[in-house]
Amino acid sequence: MALALRPDDLADLHARARSAYPDLLRDLQRLVDIDSGTYSKPGVDRVSGWVMERLGELGASVTDYPHDTFGDTRVATFERSDPGPTILLLGHADTVFGPGTARERPFRSADGRAFGPGVADMKSGLLVGLYALSLLRQRAGEPDDWLPAGRIIFVVNADEEVGSPASTPVIEALSARADAALVLEGARPTGEIVTARAGMLHLRVSIAGRAAHAGVEPEQGRSAVLEAAHVILALDAMAKDRPGTSLNVGEAHGGTRPNVVAAEMTLTIDVRSTSAAEQDAVEADIRAL
């Protein structure tokens, strides 16, 4: 039987959620204190594995999609005996932080706010989804009567922060079966719900120069670092001319030592656009540089 919620039921759920808040904070500390940068596969798998274990305890069937480089994409599925719509819940276990960050600045809370690597983006989001399902399950009488939909599919993505190269096929296949999808990241600071996000494109620009001794014959060199500076300024100007599009040079690597004119430089660029056509146009302009 489908779960029907009356106003009194919602009040009861709110009370249960407030009561569960200390437990949620303890679980949040557990997850935040695990290093789970995208390329830290063991840590990502620890976070997603813990979430899946808890979902399994609620009655979900769990499927793993292993990956050698990134963490495994993991899917928990709840199904009711009678038919109904399918809801897809999405969250990611990876963060943008490097190894050792959790040790350098572990979880802490003060004045009603929580701090730590990945605390908002999005380990708290994973827990909000988990706890919402747990609270519904706790107040139900029979194992089959608590689901608010015919099927709930909870996906924990392992590589969202780099564009989901490994998990995209899994998410696309599951999305085709879903009637609605909810991403569990937090709302804006105003509390507004996010209903759309810009597309993402990562580009790597390699610049070749000519090495020379900076003290003896600098004129024989061609500095890749200097050229990279021109490129970065050009990209900054390009972004200002495109409302709704952002360009960010997030990484810059090159050169060998201070007394050598740099022979090579690499830039990594993050592009965010609100349409595929605009993204293609930005890429073409960057290549034209």
Protein backbone atom coordinates (compact mmCIF):
# COMPACT_ATOMS: atom_id res chain seq x y z
CA MET A 1 0.00 0.00 0.00
CA ALA A 2 1.30 3.48 -0.85
CA LEU A 3 2.23 5.75 2.01
CA ALA A 4 -0.31 8.56 2.52
CA LEU A 5 0.80 11.50 4.64
CA ARG A 6 -1.68 13.73 6.46
CA PRO A 7 -0.78 17.07 8.15
CA ASP A 8 -0.44 15.25 11.48
CA ASP A 9 1.92 12.77 9.84
CA LEU A 10 4.13 15.60 8.61
CA ALA A 11 4.23 17.11 12.08
CA ASP A 12 5.26 13.72 13.45
CA LEU A 13 8.02 13.42 10.84
CA HIS A 14 9.30 16.90 11.70
CA ALA A 15 9.45 15.92 15.37
CA ARG A 16 11.28 12.69 14.54
CA ALA A 17 13.73 14.62 12.34
CA ARG A 18 14.51 17.05 15.14
CA SER A 19 15.04 14.13 17.51
CA ALA A 20 17.38 12.42 15.02
CA TYR A 21 19.50 15.55 14.46
CA PRO A 22 22.26 14.63 16.99
CA ASP A 23 22.61 11.22 15.31
CA LEU A 24 22.83 12.86 11.90
CA LEU A 25 25.62 15.13 13.15
CA ARG A 26 27.56 12.15 14.47
CA ASP A 27 27.19 10.38 11.13
CA LEU A 28 28.20 13.56 9.32
CA GLN A 29 31.39 13.69 11.36
CA ARG A 30 32.07 10.07 10.48
CA LEU A 31 31.80 10.79 6.74
CA VAL A 32 33.52 14.20 6.70
CA ASP A 33 36.55 12.78 8.52
CA ILE A 34 37.12 10.35 5.63
CA ASP A 35 39.30 11.74 2.84
CA SER A 36 37.25 11.13 -0.30
CA GLY A 37 38.71 13.33 -3.00
CA THR A 38 37.69 12.06 -6.43
CA TYR A 39 41.02 10.30 -7.00
CA SER A 40 41.14 8.84 -3.47
CA LYS A 41 39.26 5.69 -4.46
CA PRO A 42 39.55 3.90 -1.07
CA GLY A 43 38.03 6.86 0.74
CA VAL A 44 35.25 7.36 -1.79
CA ASP A 45 34.38 3.68 -1.57
CA ARG A 46 34.33 3.88 2.25
CA VAL A 47 31.81 6.72 2.18
CA SER A 48 29.53 5.15 -0.42
CA GLY A 49 29.88 1.71 1.17
CA TRP A 50 28.76 3.04 4.55
CA VAL A 51 25.73 4.73 3.00
CA MET A 52 24.82 1.58 1.08
CA GLU A 53 25.12 -0.57 4.20
CA ARG A 54 22.63 1.67 5.98
CA LEU A 55 20.26 1.64 3.00
CA GLY A 56 20.53 -2.13 2.90
CA GLU A 57 19.45 -2.26 6.53
CA LEU A 58 16.29 -0.40 5.49
CA GLY A 59 15.50 -3.11 2.97
CA ALA A 60 17.14 -1.91 -0.24
CA SER A 61 18.82 -4.19 -2.72
CA VAL A 62 22.29 -2.89 -3.54
CA THR A 63 24.16 -3.07 -6.84
CA ASP A 64 27.80 -2.04 -7.34
CA TYR A 65 29.32 -0.84 -10.60
CA PRO A 66 33.08 -1.23 -9.99
CA HIS A 67 35.72 1.06 -11.47
CA ASP A 68 39.50 0.75 -11.36
CA THR A 69 40.35 4.49 -11.16
CA PHE A 70 37.34 6.15 -9.58
CA GLY A 71 35.23 4.91 -6.73
CA ASP A 72 32.52 2.37 -7.47
CA THR A 73 29.11 3.73 -8.46
CA ARG A 74 26.60 2.23 -6.06
CA VAL A 75 22.83 1.91 -6.40
CA ALA A 76 20.24 1.04 -3.74
CA THR A 77 16.73 0.12 -4.90
CA PHE A 78 13.54 0.01 -2.84
CA GLU A 79 10.44 -1.51 -4.43
CA ARG A 80 6.85 -1.69 -3.26
CA SER A 81 4.69 -4.73 -4.05
CA ASP A 82 2.07 -2.59 -5.81
CA PRO A 83 3.00 -0.40 -8.81
CA GLY A 84 3.71 3.30 -8.65
CA PRO A 85 6.06 6.00 -9.93
CA THR A 86 9.83 5.67 -9.79
CA ILE A 87 11.84 8.34 -7.98
CA LEU A 88 15.57 8.69 -8.52
CA LEU A 89 17.67 10.15 -5.68
CA LEU A 90 21.20 11.26 -6.59
CA GLY A 91 24.18 12.11 -4.41
CA HIS A 92 27.95 11.91 -4.68
CA ALA A 93 30.59 10.65 -2.28
CA ASP A 94 33.62 12.40 -3.81
CA THR A 95 34.95 15.85 -2.90
CA VAL A 96 37.41 18.31 -4.42
CA PHE A 97 39.87 17.99 -1.54
CA GLY A 98 43.25 16.28 -1.65
CA PRO A 99 44.62 13.55 0.62
CA GLY A 100 45.21 14.66 4.20
CA THR A 101 42.63 17.47 4.22
CA ALA A 102 40.35 15.67 6.66
CA ARG A 103 43.24 15.32 9.09
CA GLU A 104 44.27 18.97 8.68
CA ARG A 105 40.81 20.36 9.30
CA PRO A 106 38.48 17.67 10.62
CA PHE A 107 34.78 18.04 11.22
CA ARG A 108 33.64 20.57 13.77
CA SER A 109 30.40 22.36 14.58
CA ALA A 110 29.83 25.74 16.18
CA ASP A 111 26.87 28.09 16.50
CA GLY A 112 24.58 25.81 14.55
CA ARG A 113 26.95 25.41 11.61
CA ALA A 114 29.07 22.45 10.55
CA PHE A 115 32.54 22.70 9.00
CA GLY A 116 34.88 20.29 7.24
CA PRO A 117 35.87 19.07 3.77
CA GLY A 118 32.76 18.00 1.87
CA VAL A 119 30.40 18.82 4.72
CA ALA A 120 27.91 20.58 2.42
CA ASP A 121 28.97 19.27 -0.99
CA MET A 122 27.68 16.81 -0.36
CA LYS A 123 28.06 14.43 2.55
CA SER A 124 25.24 16.13 4.43
CA GLY A 125 23.10 15.69 1.31
CA LEU A 126 23.71 11.95 1.30
CA LEU A 127 22.68 11.81 4.95
CA VAL A 128 19.55 13.90 4.42
CA GLY A 129 18.37 11.38 1.81
CA LEU A 130 19.30 8.44 4.03
CA TYR A 131 17.64 9.88 7.12
CA ALA A 132 14.48 10.85 5.23
CA LEU A 133 14.03 7.25 4.13
CA SER A 134 14.95 5.96 7.58
CA LEU A 135 12.34 8.16 9.29
CA LEU A 136 9.63 7.01 6.88
CA ARG A 137 10.59 3.40 7.52
CA GLN A 138 10.64 3.80 11.30
CA ARG A 139 7.08 5.07 11.55
CA ALA A 140 5.62 2.44 9.22
CA GLY A 141 3.81 -0.65 10.43
CA GLU A 142 4.51 -3.20 7.71
CA PRO A 143 7.73 -3.46 5.68
CA ASP A 144 5.94 -2.73 2.40
CA ASP A 145 3.72 0.22 3.35
CA TRP A 146 6.27 2.95 3.98
CA LEU A 147 7.49 3.79 0.47
CA PRO A 148 6.03 7.05 -0.95
CA ALA A 149 6.51 5.68 -4.51
CA GLY A 150 6.45 2.38 -6.31
CA ARG A 151 10.22 2.37 -6.59
CA ILE A 152 12.98 4.55 -5.11
CA ILE A 153 16.45 4.32 -6.63
CA PHE A 154 19.24 5.92 -4.57
CA VAL A 155 22.45 6.44 -6.57
CA VAL A 156 25.76 7.34 -4.91
CA ASN A 157 28.01 8.77 -7.61
CA ALA A 158 31.78 8.46 -7.10
CA ASP A 159 33.15 10.97 -9.64
CA GLU A 160 30.75 13.91 -9.81
CA GLU A 161 33.42 16.52 -9.11
CA VAL A 162 35.21 15.71 -12.39
CA GLY A 163 32.11 15.49 -14.55
CA SER A 164 31.00 11.90 -13.79
CA PRO A 165 32.95 10.15 -16.56
CA ALA A 166 32.48 6.68 -15.03
CA SER A 167 29.03 7.03 -13.48
CA THR A 168 27.21 8.81 -16.32
CA PRO A 169 26.20 5.59 -18.18
CA VAL A 170 24.70 4.18 -14.99
CA ILE A 171 22.81 7.39 -14.18
CA GLU A 172 21.54 7.77 -17.74
CA ALA A 173 20.21 4.21 -17.82
CA LEU A 174 18.43 4.60 -14.46
CA SER A 175 17.06 8.04 -15.38
CA ALA A 176 15.28 6.54 -18.38
CA ARG A 177 13.16 4.51 -15.92
CA ALA A 178 12.44 7.39 -13.52
CA ASP A 179 9.39 9.64 -13.31
CA ALA A 180 11.23 12.22 -11.20
CA ALA A 181 14.80 12.86 -10.09
CA LEU A 182 16.00 14.71 -7.00
CA VAL A 183 19.63 15.68 -6.43
CA LEU A 184 20.40 15.81 -2.73
CA GLU A 185 22.77 18.80 -2.72
CA GLY A 186 21.78 21.72 -0.54
CA ALA A 187 19.69 24.67 -1.64
CA ARG A 188 21.05 28.17 -2.19
CA PRO A 189 21.80 30.28 0.91
CA THR A 190 18.36 31.87 0.45
CA GLY A 191 16.73 28.45 0.70
CA GLU A 192 15.72 28.45 -2.96
CA ILE A 193 15.60 25.07 -4.66
CA VAL A 194 17.95 24.61 -7.62
CA THR A 195 16.03 23.31 -10.64
CA ALA A 196 18.80 23.45 -13.27
CA ARG A 197 22.58 23.61 -13.47
CA ALA A 198 24.98 24.78 -16.13
CA GLY A 199 26.82 22.23 -18.25
CA MET A 200 30.50 21.66 -17.54
CA LEU A 201 33.46 21.33 -19.88
CA HIS A 202 37.09 20.76 -18.87
CA LEU A 203 39.83 21.70 -21.31
CA ARG A 204 43.60 21.32 -21.07
CA VAL A 205 45.78 23.83 -22.91
CA SER A 206 49.40 22.87 -23.57
CA ILE A 207 51.82 25.68 -24.42
CA ALA A 208 55.22 24.97 -25.96
CA GLY A 209 58.07 27.46 -25.58
CA ARG A 210 61.85 27.27 -25.92
CA ALA A 211 64.19 26.74 -22.99
CA ALA A 212 67.18 29.01 -22.45
CA HIS A 213 69.43 30.06 -19.57
CA ALA A 214 67.73 33.04 -17.96
CA GLY A 215 71.08 34.61 -16.91
CA VAL A 216 73.26 33.94 -19.96
CA GLU A 217 70.99 34.08 -23.03
CA PRO A 218 67.39 34.83 -22.10
CA GLU A 219 66.80 36.29 -25.55
CA GLN A 220 67.19 32.80 -27.01
CA GLY A 221 64.23 31.56 -25.01
CA ARG A 222 60.49 31.71 -25.57
CA SER A 223 58.69 31.65 -22.23
CA ALA A 224 55.69 29.35 -22.04
CA VAL A 225 54.86 30.94 -18.69
CA LEU A 226 54.63 34.40 -20.25
CA GLU A 227 52.43 33.07 -23.04
CA ALA A 228 50.24 31.34 -20.45
CA ALA A 229 49.75 34.69 -18.72
CA HIS A 230 48.49 36.19 -21.99
CA VAL A 231 46.15 33.24 -22.48
CA ILE A 232 44.74 33.55 -18.95
CA LEU A 233 44.04 37.27 -19.46
CA ALA A 234 42.38 36.53 -22.80
CA LEU A 235 40.19 33.89 -21.19
CA ASP A 236 39.19 36.30 -18.44
CA ALA A 237 38.16 38.88 -21.04
CA MET A 238 36.27 36.22 -23.00
CA ALA A 239 34.21 35.26 -19.96
CA LYS A 240 33.20 38.87 -19.27
CA ASP A 241 31.70 39.11 -22.76
CA ARG A 242 29.48 36.05 -22.23
CA PRO A 243 26.67 36.45 -19.68
CA GLY A 244 25.70 33.11 -18.20
CA THR A 245 29.07 31.53 -19.01
CA SER A 246 32.03 31.24 -16.67
CA LEU A 247 35.65 30.38 -17.41
CA ASN A 248 38.11 29.46 -14.70
CA VAL A 249 41.76 28.50 -15.04
CA GLY A 250 41.92 26.20 -12.05
CA GLU A 251 45.38 24.70 -12.60
CA ALA A 252 48.61 26.03 -14.06
CA HIS A 253 51.75 23.89 -14.23
CA GLY A 254 55.04 24.44 -16.01
CA GLY A 255 58.65 25.46 -15.96
CA THR A 256 61.53 23.70 -14.28
CA ARG A 257 63.50 26.25 -12.22
CA PRO A 258 63.83 30.02 -11.77
CA ASN A 259 66.96 30.39 -13.93
CA VAL A 260 65.53 28.59 -16.96
CA VAL A 261 63.11 30.16 -19.43
CA ALA A 262 60.09 27.86 -19.27
CA ALA A 263 59.75 25.55 -22.27
CA GLU A 264 56.28 24.28 -21.47
CA MET A 265 53.13 25.14 -19.58
CA THR A 266 49.79 23.44 -19.04
CA LEU A 267 46.52 25.11 -18.07
CA THR A 268 43.32 23.34 -17.06
CA ILE A 269 40.15 25.29 -17.73
CA ASP A 270 36.67 24.83 -16.29
CA VAL A 271 33.87 26.13 -18.55
CA ARG A 272 30.25 26.41 -17.36
CA SER A 273 27.50 27.24 -19.87
CA THR A 274 23.71 27.17 -19.81
CA SER A 275 23.33 25.69 -23.31
CA ALA A 276 25.18 23.15 -25.46
CA ALA A 277 25.40 25.66 -28.31
CA GLU A 278 27.08 28.24 -26.10
CA GLN A 279 29.47 25.63 -24.76
CA ASP A 280 30.47 24.64 -28.30
CA ALA A 281 31.00 28.30 -29.20
CA VAL A 282 33.19 28.89 -26.14
CA GLU A 283 35.28 25.84 -26.94
CA ALA A 284 35.79 27.03 -30.51
CA ASP A 285 36.91 30.47 -29.31
CA ILE A 286 39.34 28.94 -26.81
CA ARG A 287 40.84 26.75 -29.53
CA ALA A 288 41.18 29.83 -31.72
CA LEU A 289 43.50 31.41 -29.13
